N, C-alpha and C. Protein backbone atom coordinates (compact mmCIF):
# COMPACT_ATOMS: atom_id res chain seq x y z
N MET A 1 0.77 -0.82 0.03
CA MET A 1 -0.15 0.08 0.15
C MET A 1 0.98 1.11 -0.10
N ALA A 2 0.50 2.19 -0.58
CA ALA A 2 1.81 2.93 -1.20
C ALA A 2 0.79 4.24 0.03
N LEU A 3 1.68 5.09 1.11
CA LEU A 3 1.13 6.22 1.61
C LEU A 3 1.22 7.88 0.71
N ILE A 4 0.57 8.22 1.00
CA ILE A 4 0.12 9.56 -0.38
C ILE A 4 0.23 10.88 0.67
N LEU A 5 1.03 11.86 0.91
CA LEU A 5 1.22 13.09 1.25
C LEU A 5 0.05 13.96 0.60
N ASN A 6 -0.84 14.12 1.36
CA ASN A 6 -2.04 15.22 0.44
C ASN A 6 -1.59 16.77 0.40
N GLY A 7 -2.23 17.18 0.03
CA GLY A 7 -1.41 18.82 -0.27
C GLY A 7 -1.69 19.33 0.79
N THR A 8 -2.25 18.92 1.94
CA THR A 8 -1.78 19.40 3.48
C THR A 8 -1.26 19.26 4.73
N GLY A 9 -0.79 18.26 3.75
CA GLY A 9 0.82 18.27 4.83
C GLY A 9 0.46 16.78 5.30
N VAL A 10 -0.70 16.33 5.28
CA VAL A 10 -1.30 15.13 5.84
C VAL A 10 -0.66 13.79 5.33
N VAL A 11 -0.58 12.98 5.71
CA VAL A 11 -0.26 11.88 5.39
C VAL A 11 -1.49 10.63 5.37
N THR A 12 -2.32 10.18 4.59
CA THR A 12 -3.21 9.61 4.19
C THR A 12 -2.99 8.19 4.05
N GLY A 13 -3.78 7.09 4.21
CA GLY A 13 -2.98 6.01 3.94
C GLY A 13 -2.86 4.68 5.24
N LEU A 14 -2.40 5.63 6.20
CA LEU A 14 -2.10 4.74 7.58
C LEU A 14 -3.22 3.67 8.09
N ALA A 15 -4.25 3.80 7.70
CA ALA A 15 -4.67 3.63 8.93
C ALA A 15 -4.97 1.60 8.72
N SER A 16 -4.21 1.66 7.04
CA SER A 16 -4.13 0.45 6.74
C SER A 16 -3.12 -0.40 7.06
N ILE A 17 -2.09 -0.15 7.85
CA ILE A 17 -1.26 -0.42 8.50
C ILE A 17 -1.41 -1.58 10.23
N ASN A 18 -0.85 -2.22 10.05
CA ASN A 18 -1.68 -3.21 11.21
C ASN A 18 -1.18 -2.99 12.14
N ASP A 19 -1.68 -3.23 13.48
CA ASP A 19 -1.10 -2.12 14.84
C ASP A 19 -0.24 -2.98 14.53
N GLY A 20 0.14 -2.49 15.79
CA GLY A 20 1.13 -2.69 17.14
C GLY A 20 2.57 -3.18 16.25
N ILE A 21 3.31 -2.84 15.21
CA ILE A 21 4.45 -3.40 14.18
C ILE A 21 5.54 -2.84 14.74
N ILE A 22 4.90 -1.71 15.18
CA ILE A 22 6.36 -0.44 15.26
C ILE A 22 5.51 1.09 16.17
N THR A 23 5.38 0.42 17.71
CA THR A 23 5.18 2.27 19.04
C THR A 23 5.87 2.44 18.72
N SER A 24 5.62 4.21 19.72
CA SER A 24 6.54 4.68 19.29
C SER A 24 7.43 4.44 20.64
N ASP A 25 6.64 4.19 21.82
CA ASP A 25 7.47 3.14 23.08
C ASP A 25 8.82 2.44 22.55
N ASP A 26 8.84 1.38 21.63
CA ASP A 26 9.96 1.35 21.23
C ASP A 26 11.03 1.34 20.64
N ILE A 27 10.63 2.77 19.88
CA ILE A 27 11.91 4.05 19.18
C ILE A 27 11.94 4.28 20.26
N ALA A 28 11.25 4.48 20.92
CA ALA A 28 12.04 5.72 22.69
C ALA A 28 13.04 4.88 23.60
N SER A 29 12.38 3.46 23.32
CA SER A 29 12.64 2.70 24.44
C SER A 29 14.24 2.01 23.68
N GLY A 30 14.62 2.19 22.25
CA GLY A 30 15.81 2.03 21.56
C GLY A 30 16.04 -0.39 21.32
N ALA A 31 14.26 -0.81 22.12
CA ALA A 31 14.03 -2.37 21.60
C ALA A 31 14.82 -2.66 20.20
N ILE A 32 13.73 -1.30 19.65
CA ILE A 32 13.90 -1.75 18.47
C ILE A 32 15.38 -1.74 17.65
N THR A 33 16.14 -1.10 18.24
CA THR A 33 17.89 -1.24 18.12
C THR A 33 18.11 -2.56 18.05
N ALA A 34 18.03 -2.37 20.19
CA ALA A 34 18.90 -4.05 20.32
C ALA A 34 18.45 -4.88 19.39
N ALA A 35 17.23 -5.45 19.47
CA ALA A 35 16.56 -6.73 19.08
C ALA A 35 16.98 -6.62 17.50
N LYS A 36 17.84 -5.69 17.17
CA LYS A 36 17.91 -5.88 15.88
C LYS A 36 19.84 -6.44 15.06
N MET A 37 20.24 -5.65 16.65
CA MET A 37 21.60 -5.44 16.59
C MET A 37 22.32 -7.36 16.37
N ALA A 38 23.06 -7.12 15.21
CA ALA A 38 23.61 -8.91 14.92
C ALA A 38 24.85 -9.14 16.40
N ALA A 39 25.37 -10.64 15.98
CA ALA A 39 26.39 -10.94 17.34
C ALA A 39 27.60 -10.37 16.86
N GLY A 40 28.33 -9.87 17.57
CA GLY A 40 29.30 -9.28 17.32
C GLY A 40 29.30 -7.24 17.88
N ALA A 41 28.31 -7.08 17.60
CA ALA A 41 27.79 -6.08 17.14
C ALA A 41 28.34 -5.21 18.51
N VAL A 42 29.09 -3.94 18.92
CA VAL A 42 29.57 -3.21 20.67
C VAL A 42 28.12 -2.45 20.87
N VAL A 43 27.79 -3.15 21.92
CA VAL A 43 26.47 -2.23 22.45
C VAL A 43 26.67 -1.59 23.62
N GLN A 44 27.69 -1.17 24.45
CA GLN A 44 28.72 -0.35 25.13
C GLN A 44 30.19 -0.35 25.51
N VAL A 45 30.53 0.91 25.16
CA VAL A 45 32.21 0.99 25.60
C VAL A 45 32.27 2.10 27.37
N VAL A 46 33.13 1.46 28.00
CA VAL A 46 33.59 1.90 29.78
C VAL A 46 34.92 1.79 29.56
N HIS A 47 35.51 3.55 29.56
CA HIS A 47 36.95 3.40 29.71
C HIS A 47 37.27 3.89 31.61
N GLY A 48 38.36 3.90 31.99
CA GLY A 48 38.80 3.87 33.22
C GLY A 48 40.30 4.05 32.71
N THR A 49 40.69 5.23 33.44
CA THR A 49 42.77 5.50 33.57
C THR A 49 42.95 5.59 34.68
N PHE A 50 43.94 5.44 34.83
CA PHE A 50 44.63 6.17 35.68
C PHE A 50 46.27 6.48 35.49
N ALA A 51 46.76 7.94 36.64
CA ALA A 51 47.84 8.36 36.01
C ALA A 51 48.75 8.29 37.11
N ASN A 52 48.47 7.79 38.60
CA ASN A 52 49.10 8.62 39.50
C ASN A 52 50.51 7.07 39.45
N PHE A 53 51.84 7.40 40.05
CA PHE A 53 53.03 6.54 40.07
C PHE A 53 52.74 5.26 40.81
N ILE A 54 52.76 4.18 40.09
CA ILE A 54 52.90 3.18 41.28
C ILE A 54 54.23 1.62 41.43
N THR A 55 54.86 1.80 42.33
CA THR A 55 55.36 1.08 42.69
C THR A 55 54.99 -0.36 43.87
N SER A 56 55.85 -1.32 43.78
CA SER A 56 56.26 -2.70 44.00
C SER A 56 57.05 -3.99 44.18
N SER A 57 57.86 -3.81 45.07
CA SER A 57 58.38 -4.72 45.18
C SER A 57 58.11 -6.31 45.85
N SER A 58 56.45 -6.18 45.76
CA SER A 58 56.85 -7.81 46.44
C SER A 58 56.35 -8.48 45.23
N SER A 59 56.20 -10.27 45.68
CA SER A 59 56.12 -10.83 44.47
C SER A 59 54.42 -11.05 44.52
N THR A 60 53.82 -10.08 45.69
CA THR A 60 51.93 -10.20 45.97
C THR A 60 51.31 -8.99 45.14
N TYR A 61 50.46 -10.07 43.48
CA TYR A 61 49.56 -8.98 43.55
C TYR A 61 49.08 -7.80 44.09
N ALA A 62 48.74 -6.64 43.77
CA ALA A 62 48.41 -5.49 44.27
C ALA A 62 47.37 -4.69 43.77
N ASP A 63 46.14 -4.81 44.04
CA ASP A 63 45.52 -3.35 43.05
C ASP A 63 46.72 -1.98 42.28
N THR A 64 46.26 -1.26 41.70
CA THR A 64 46.54 -0.51 40.87
C THR A 64 46.19 0.73 40.99
N GLY A 65 44.99 0.60 41.29
CA GLY A 65 43.66 1.84 41.04
C GLY A 65 43.00 1.35 39.67
N LEU A 66 44.02 1.19 38.86
CA LEU A 66 43.20 1.20 37.39
C LEU A 66 42.35 -0.09 36.97
N THR A 67 40.76 0.75 36.82
CA THR A 67 40.00 0.01 36.93
C THR A 67 38.72 0.49 35.78
N ALA A 68 37.75 -0.41 35.45
CA ALA A 68 36.05 0.45 34.73
C ALA A 68 35.35 -0.99 35.15
N THR A 69 34.70 -0.09 35.11
CA THR A 69 33.10 -0.56 36.11
C THR A 69 31.82 -1.18 34.73
N ILE A 70 31.13 -1.86 34.57
CA ILE A 70 30.34 -2.47 33.21
C ILE A 70 29.19 -3.47 33.69
N THR A 71 28.11 -3.05 32.99
CA THR A 71 26.69 -3.62 33.69
C THR A 71 26.34 -4.26 31.98
N PRO A 72 26.82 -5.33 31.72
CA PRO A 72 26.08 -6.14 31.17
C PRO A 72 24.70 -5.72 30.69
N SER A 73 24.04 -5.87 29.04
CA SER A 73 22.58 -5.96 28.94
C SER A 73 21.87 -8.04 28.85
N SER A 74 22.90 -8.59 28.58
CA SER A 74 22.25 -9.68 28.89
C SER A 74 23.79 -10.64 29.49
N SER A 75 23.26 -11.41 29.23
CA SER A 75 24.31 -12.29 30.81
C SER A 75 24.70 -13.46 28.92
N SER A 76 24.40 -13.46 27.30
CA SER A 76 25.48 -13.62 26.55
C SER A 76 26.16 -12.98 26.40
N ASN A 77 26.37 -11.93 26.38
CA ASN A 77 27.03 -10.92 25.63
C ASN A 77 28.46 -11.24 26.36
N LYS A 78 29.96 -10.70 25.54
CA LYS A 78 30.78 -10.67 26.18
C LYS A 78 31.67 -9.70 26.13
N ILE A 79 32.71 -9.51 27.20
CA ILE A 79 33.10 -7.80 27.55
C ILE A 79 35.37 -8.40 26.93
N LEU A 80 35.18 -8.28 25.86
CA LEU A 80 36.77 -7.15 25.77
C LEU A 80 37.18 -6.15 25.89
N ALA A 81 38.28 -6.82 26.85
CA ALA A 81 39.12 -5.42 27.76
C ALA A 81 40.96 -4.91 27.04
N PHE A 82 40.38 -4.04 27.03
CA PHE A 82 41.87 -3.18 26.07
C PHE A 82 42.02 -2.74 27.83
N SER A 83 43.74 -3.06 28.10
CA SER A 83 44.62 -2.53 28.83
C SER A 83 45.56 -2.14 28.41
N THR A 84 45.91 -1.01 28.55
CA THR A 84 47.51 -0.07 27.93
C THR A 84 48.01 0.91 29.27
N ILE A 85 49.47 -0.28 29.17
CA ILE A 85 49.92 0.24 30.36
C ILE A 85 51.18 1.02 30.32
N LEU A 86 50.96 2.08 31.10
CA LEU A 86 51.99 3.20 30.68
C LEU A 86 53.54 3.51 31.51
N GLY A 87 54.52 3.80 30.93
CA GLY A 87 55.72 4.13 32.41
C GLY A 87 55.84 2.80 32.86
N THR A 88 56.18 1.88 31.97
CA THR A 88 56.53 0.41 33.37
C THR A 88 57.84 0.84 32.88
N GLY A 89 58.81 -0.65 34.32
CA GLY A 89 59.65 -0.19 34.94
C GLY A 89 60.36 -1.10 35.43
N LYS A 90 61.44 -1.69 35.74
CA LYS A 90 62.19 -2.12 37.52
C LYS A 90 62.87 -1.63 37.54
N ASN A 91 63.92 -1.22 38.55
CA ASN A 91 65.33 -1.08 39.23
C ASN A 91 66.66 -2.09 38.91
N THR A 92 66.18 -2.95 38.25
CA THR A 92 67.04 -3.85 38.51
C THR A 92 66.96 -4.96 37.27
N GLY A 93 67.48 -5.65 36.87
CA GLY A 93 67.14 -6.64 35.81
C GLY A 93 67.20 -8.00 36.68
N ASN A 94 66.77 -7.76 37.38
CA ASN A 94 66.52 -9.38 39.00
C ASN A 94 64.75 -9.47 38.86
N THR A 95 64.70 -9.07 37.90
CA THR A 95 62.81 -9.87 38.39
C THR A 95 62.54 -9.47 37.26
N LYS A 96 60.86 -9.85 37.00
CA LYS A 96 59.53 -9.55 35.62
C LYS A 96 58.89 -8.65 36.41
N ILE A 97 57.76 -7.47 35.61
CA ILE A 97 56.91 -7.29 35.75
C ILE A 97 56.10 -7.62 35.41
N GLY A 98 54.90 -8.11 36.38
CA GLY A 98 53.61 -9.26 36.68
C GLY A 98 52.67 -8.68 36.74
N LEU A 99 51.92 -8.29 35.66
CA LEU A 99 50.60 -7.36 35.51
C LEU A 99 49.40 -8.70 35.56
N ARG A 100 48.06 -8.49 35.88
CA ARG A 100 47.00 -9.00 35.63
C ARG A 100 45.67 -8.44 35.87
N LEU A 101 44.41 -9.17 34.61
CA LEU A 101 43.93 -8.50 34.77
C LEU A 101 42.37 -9.51 35.66
N LEU A 102 41.70 -9.04 36.45
CA LEU A 102 40.67 -9.17 37.12
C LEU A 102 39.97 -9.19 36.69
N ARG A 103 38.67 -10.12 36.66
CA ARG A 103 36.86 -9.58 37.01
C ARG A 103 37.01 -9.67 38.38
N ASP A 104 36.03 -9.04 39.32
CA ASP A 104 35.91 -8.72 40.55
C ASP A 104 37.47 -9.24 41.11
N SER A 105 37.32 -10.39 41.16
CA SER A 105 38.42 -11.15 42.62
C SER A 105 38.75 -12.15 41.47
N THR A 106 38.08 -12.41 40.50
CA THR A 106 38.39 -13.48 39.49
C THR A 106 39.92 -13.27 38.01
N VAL A 107 40.57 -13.96 38.22
CA VAL A 107 42.03 -13.62 37.52
C VAL A 107 41.50 -14.09 35.74
N ILE A 108 41.91 -12.86 35.23
CA ILE A 108 41.30 -13.33 33.35
C ILE A 108 42.78 -13.45 32.27
N SER A 109 43.86 -12.76 33.30
CA SER A 109 44.63 -12.91 32.26
C SER A 109 45.78 -12.80 33.47
N VAL A 110 47.04 -13.11 32.63
CA VAL A 110 48.19 -12.82 33.50
C VAL A 110 49.23 -12.14 32.84
N PHE A 111 49.93 -11.31 32.70
CA PHE A 111 50.86 -10.94 31.30
C PHE A 111 51.70 -10.42 32.46
N SER A 112 53.49 -10.89 31.89
CA SER A 112 54.62 -10.25 32.89
C SER A 112 55.89 -10.01 31.53
N THR A 113 56.74 -8.99 31.99
CA THR A 113 57.69 -8.69 30.55
C THR A 113 59.08 -8.56 32.04
N GLU A 114 60.52 -9.60 30.90
CA GLU A 114 60.95 -9.03 31.62
C GLU A 114 62.50 -7.59 30.70
N THR A 115 61.78 -8.34 29.28
CA THR A 115 62.80 -7.23 29.00
C THR A 115 63.03 -5.58 28.09
N GLY A 116 63.37 -4.85 28.57
CA GLY A 116 63.00 -3.48 28.37
C GLY A 116 64.94 -2.80 27.88
N ARG A 117 64.63 -1.31 28.06
CA ARG A 117 65.83 -0.68 27.56
C ARG A 117 66.80 -0.42 29.21
N SER A 118 67.83 -0.89 29.27
CA SER A 118 68.76 -0.54 30.93
C SER A 118 69.39 1.10 30.65
N VAL A 119 68.58 1.97 31.42
CA VAL A 119 69.68 3.29 31.95
C VAL A 119 69.74 3.67 32.91
N ASP A 120 71.55 4.23 32.87
CA ASP A 120 71.89 4.22 33.57
C ASP A 120 71.90 6.23 34.60
N TYR A 121 71.04 5.39 35.81
CA TYR A 121 70.64 6.84 36.27
C TYR A 121 72.34 6.98 38.07
N GLY A 122 73.56 7.18 37.67
CA GLY A 122 74.28 7.48 38.67
C GLY A 122 74.53 5.37 39.42
N ALA A 123 74.21 5.46 40.24
CA ALA A 123 74.52 4.51 40.64
C ALA A 123 73.21 3.35 40.90
N ASN A 124 72.42 4.09 40.15
CA ASN A 124 71.13 2.52 39.78
C ASN A 124 70.74 2.68 38.05
N VAL A 125 70.37 1.00 37.97
CA VAL A 125 70.43 0.72 36.87
C VAL A 125 68.95 0.34 36.65
N GLN A 126 68.29 0.98 36.22
CA GLN A 126 66.82 1.04 35.82
C GLN A 126 66.23 0.44 34.60
N VAL A 127 65.56 -0.28 34.07
CA VAL A 127 65.29 -0.61 33.16
C VAL A 127 63.76 -0.37 32.51
N ASP A 128 63.65 -0.17 32.02
CA ASP A 128 62.45 1.02 31.69
C ASP A 128 61.93 -0.01 30.25
N VAL A 129 60.95 -0.61 30.36
CA VAL A 129 60.18 -1.56 29.65
C VAL A 129 59.13 -0.50 28.94
N GLY A 130 58.26 0.73 29.20
CA GLY A 130 57.70 0.93 28.05
C GLY A 130 56.21 1.09 28.16
N THR A 131 55.77 0.53 27.40
CA THR A 131 54.12 0.22 26.97
C THR A 131 54.38 -1.47 27.24
N ILE A 132 53.14 -1.43 27.90
CA ILE A 132 52.16 -3.01 28.14
C ILE A 132 51.28 -3.33 27.74
N SER A 133 50.75 -3.37 26.59
CA SER A 133 49.42 -3.83 25.93
C SER A 133 48.30 -5.17 26.29
N SER A 134 47.21 -5.46 27.09
CA SER A 134 46.80 -6.77 26.39
C SER A 134 45.29 -6.45 25.95
N ILE A 135 44.79 -7.41 25.10
CA ILE A 135 43.41 -7.95 24.82
C ILE A 135 42.95 -8.81 25.27
N ASN A 136 41.48 -8.98 26.12
CA ASN A 136 41.53 -10.07 26.74
C ASN A 136 40.02 -10.50 26.35
N LEU A 137 39.64 -11.58 26.49
CA LEU A 137 37.66 -11.15 25.85
C LEU A 137 37.38 -12.45 26.99
N ASP A 138 36.52 -12.27 27.58
CA ASP A 138 35.92 -12.08 28.69
C ASP A 138 34.31 -12.74 28.45
N LEU A 139 34.11 -13.86 29.43
CA LEU A 139 32.47 -14.22 29.03
C LEU A 139 31.78 -14.44 30.34
N PRO A 140 31.69 -12.69 31.21
CA PRO A 140 30.73 -13.23 32.58
C PRO A 140 29.27 -13.83 32.36
N ALA A 141 29.33 -14.27 32.07
CA ALA A 141 27.61 -14.37 32.19
C ALA A 141 26.88 -14.02 32.77
N THR A 142 26.47 -12.69 32.78
CA THR A 142 25.97 -12.06 33.83
C THR A 142 25.24 -10.76 33.80
N THR A 143 23.66 -10.38 34.20
CA THR A 143 24.29 -9.07 33.95
C THR A 143 23.92 -7.84 35.42
N SER A 144 24.99 -8.44 35.97
CA SER A 144 24.92 -8.13 37.57
C SER A 144 26.18 -7.13 36.76
N SER A 145 26.55 -6.34 37.72
CA SER A 145 27.60 -5.17 37.38
C SER A 145 28.49 -5.02 38.16
N ILE A 146 29.59 -5.03 36.87
CA ILE A 146 31.31 -6.24 37.44
C ILE A 146 32.61 -5.28 36.96
N THR A 147 33.57 -5.50 38.08
CA THR A 147 34.51 -4.44 37.63
C THR A 147 35.63 -5.53 37.07
N TYR A 148 36.40 -5.00 36.49
CA TYR A 148 37.39 -5.25 35.78
C TYR A 148 39.06 -4.33 36.44
N LYS A 149 39.64 -4.93 36.84
CA LYS A 149 41.12 -3.85 37.37
C LYS A 149 42.94 -4.64 36.51
N ILE A 150 43.21 -3.65 36.73
CA ILE A 150 44.86 -4.34 36.76
C ILE A 150 45.20 -4.69 37.97
N GLN A 151 46.07 -4.98 37.96
CA GLN A 151 47.29 -5.68 39.19
C GLN A 151 48.51 -6.19 39.07
N LEU A 152 48.84 -5.02 39.64
CA LEU A 152 51.11 -5.33 39.99
C LEU A 152 51.59 -6.76 41.22
N ALA A 153 53.19 -6.20 40.23
CA ALA A 153 54.22 -7.30 40.95
C ALA A 153 55.05 -7.55 41.05
N SER A 154 55.92 -7.84 41.84
CA SER A 154 57.59 -8.15 41.14
C SER A 154 57.69 -9.59 41.01
N ILE A 155 57.79 -10.23 39.77
CA ILE A 155 57.06 -11.81 40.23
C ILE A 155 58.35 -12.19 41.06
N THR A 156 59.59 -11.64 41.08
CA THR A 156 60.74 -12.57 41.85
C THR A 156 60.76 -11.63 43.69
N GLY A 157 60.19 -10.73 43.71
CA GLY A 157 59.69 -9.98 45.16
C GLY A 157 61.05 -9.42 45.29
N VAL A 158 62.84 -9.66 44.77
CA VAL A 158 63.39 -9.22 44.87
C VAL A 158 63.96 -7.48 44.46
N ALA A 159 62.99 -7.21 43.65
CA ALA A 159 63.44 -5.47 43.20
C ALA A 159 61.76 -5.20 43.05
N GLN A 160 62.65 -4.02 43.15
CA GLN A 160 60.83 -2.92 42.75
C GLN A 160 60.73 -2.89 41.05
N VAL A 161 59.04 -3.13 41.11
CA VAL A 161 59.05 -2.52 39.69
C VAL A 161 57.34 -1.31 39.97
N PHE A 162 57.75 -0.74 38.81
CA PHE A 162 56.58 0.47 38.61
C PHE A 162 56.10 0.71 37.78
N ILE A 163 55.16 1.34 37.59
CA ILE A 163 53.91 1.45 35.98
C ILE A 163 53.33 3.27 36.47
N ASN A 164 53.35 3.70 35.33
CA ASN A 164 53.22 5.17 35.57
C ASN A 164 54.09 6.50 35.78
N ASN A 165 55.02 6.03 35.37
CA ASN A 165 56.55 6.72 35.59
C ASN A 165 56.62 7.17 34.72
N PHE A 166 56.13 9.02 34.95
CA PHE A 166 56.49 9.40 33.24
C PHE A 166 57.14 11.04 33.87
N GLY A 167 58.49 10.71 35.07
CA GLY A 167 59.55 11.78 35.24
C GLY A 167 59.23 12.78 35.14
N THR A 168 59.29 14.12 34.75
CA THR A 168 59.17 15.65 34.48
C THR A 168 58.24 15.50 32.90
N GLY A 169 57.43 14.45 32.10
CA GLY A 169 57.47 14.32 31.53
C GLY A 169 55.69 14.88 31.73
N PRO A 170 54.85 14.27 30.19
CA PRO A 170 53.63 14.61 30.73
C PRO A 170 53.02 13.39 31.06
N THR A 171 51.98 13.72 32.13
CA THR A 171 50.94 12.94 32.83
C THR A 171 49.86 12.45 31.74
N LEU A 172 50.29 10.72 31.39
CA LEU A 172 49.25 10.76 30.40
C LEU A 172 48.02 9.35 31.07
N GLY A 173 48.97 8.70 31.93
CA GLY A 173 47.60 7.36 32.74
C GLY A 173 47.30 6.70 31.57
N SER A 174 47.64 5.43 32.37
CA SER A 174 47.18 3.83 32.41
C SER A 174 45.85 3.54 31.72
N THR A 175 44.89 3.12 30.84
CA THR A 175 44.16 2.92 30.88
C THR A 175 43.56 1.53 30.65
N LEU A 176 42.18 1.23 30.49
CA LEU A 176 41.55 -0.10 31.02
C LEU A 176 40.39 0.15 29.97
N THR A 177 39.84 -0.52 29.20
CA THR A 177 38.81 -0.28 27.74
C THR A 177 37.72 -1.17 28.17
N LEU A 178 36.66 -1.30 28.34
CA LEU A 178 35.27 -2.55 28.01
C LEU A 178 35.03 -2.30 27.35
N MET A 179 34.81 -2.97 26.48
CA MET A 179 33.35 -2.98 25.08
C MET A 179 32.22 -4.53 25.18
N GLU A 180 31.70 -4.00 25.48
CA GLU A 180 30.22 -5.03 25.69
C GLU A 180 29.74 -5.63 24.21
N ILE A 181 29.78 -6.63 24.07
CA ILE A 181 29.95 -7.55 22.42
C ILE A 181 28.54 -8.50 22.48
N LYS A 182 27.77 -7.88 21.68
CA LYS A 182 26.47 -8.67 21.25
C LYS A 182 26.31 -10.19 20.67
N GLY A 183 26.13 -11.14 22.13
CA GLY A 183 26.59 -12.63 22.10
C GLY A 183 25.74 -13.60 20.89
């Protein structure tokens, strides 16, 4: 059936459209968009940043302060977590920088490094690692609010490791970005 715009600006021919196909409430609530979203589509994005200088000489993982909280809209959706940890390093070559990603208290991923560029600061030799990035896909199976966080440790526990060491440069901050992906 054709819709006709008459000379007065009124659309005629709407009476024959079946009632309930699309309602203004559906449009306002976003129900049509969510229902038509294909698997793999990004539902929402949450971003966290943390710029404080953090050190550790312990082999026990501890919170860095870098967190992001998300509430999935469906228990079948996935969370894609991107972390970028800036200004990482250690004060000797005797340890590895240990980083891990957690969902609430559940460890999702552990990543560490021992490579880097040695820099001689007089009596101290510091190994600057630079930026450590990680991408993880998580299946939380919940619609409750969940918090993802990054923890730091000195793997051997005999030397200091650090993140967000910017010296006199600009304070950019490490980041944690969460994307809810439709299942």
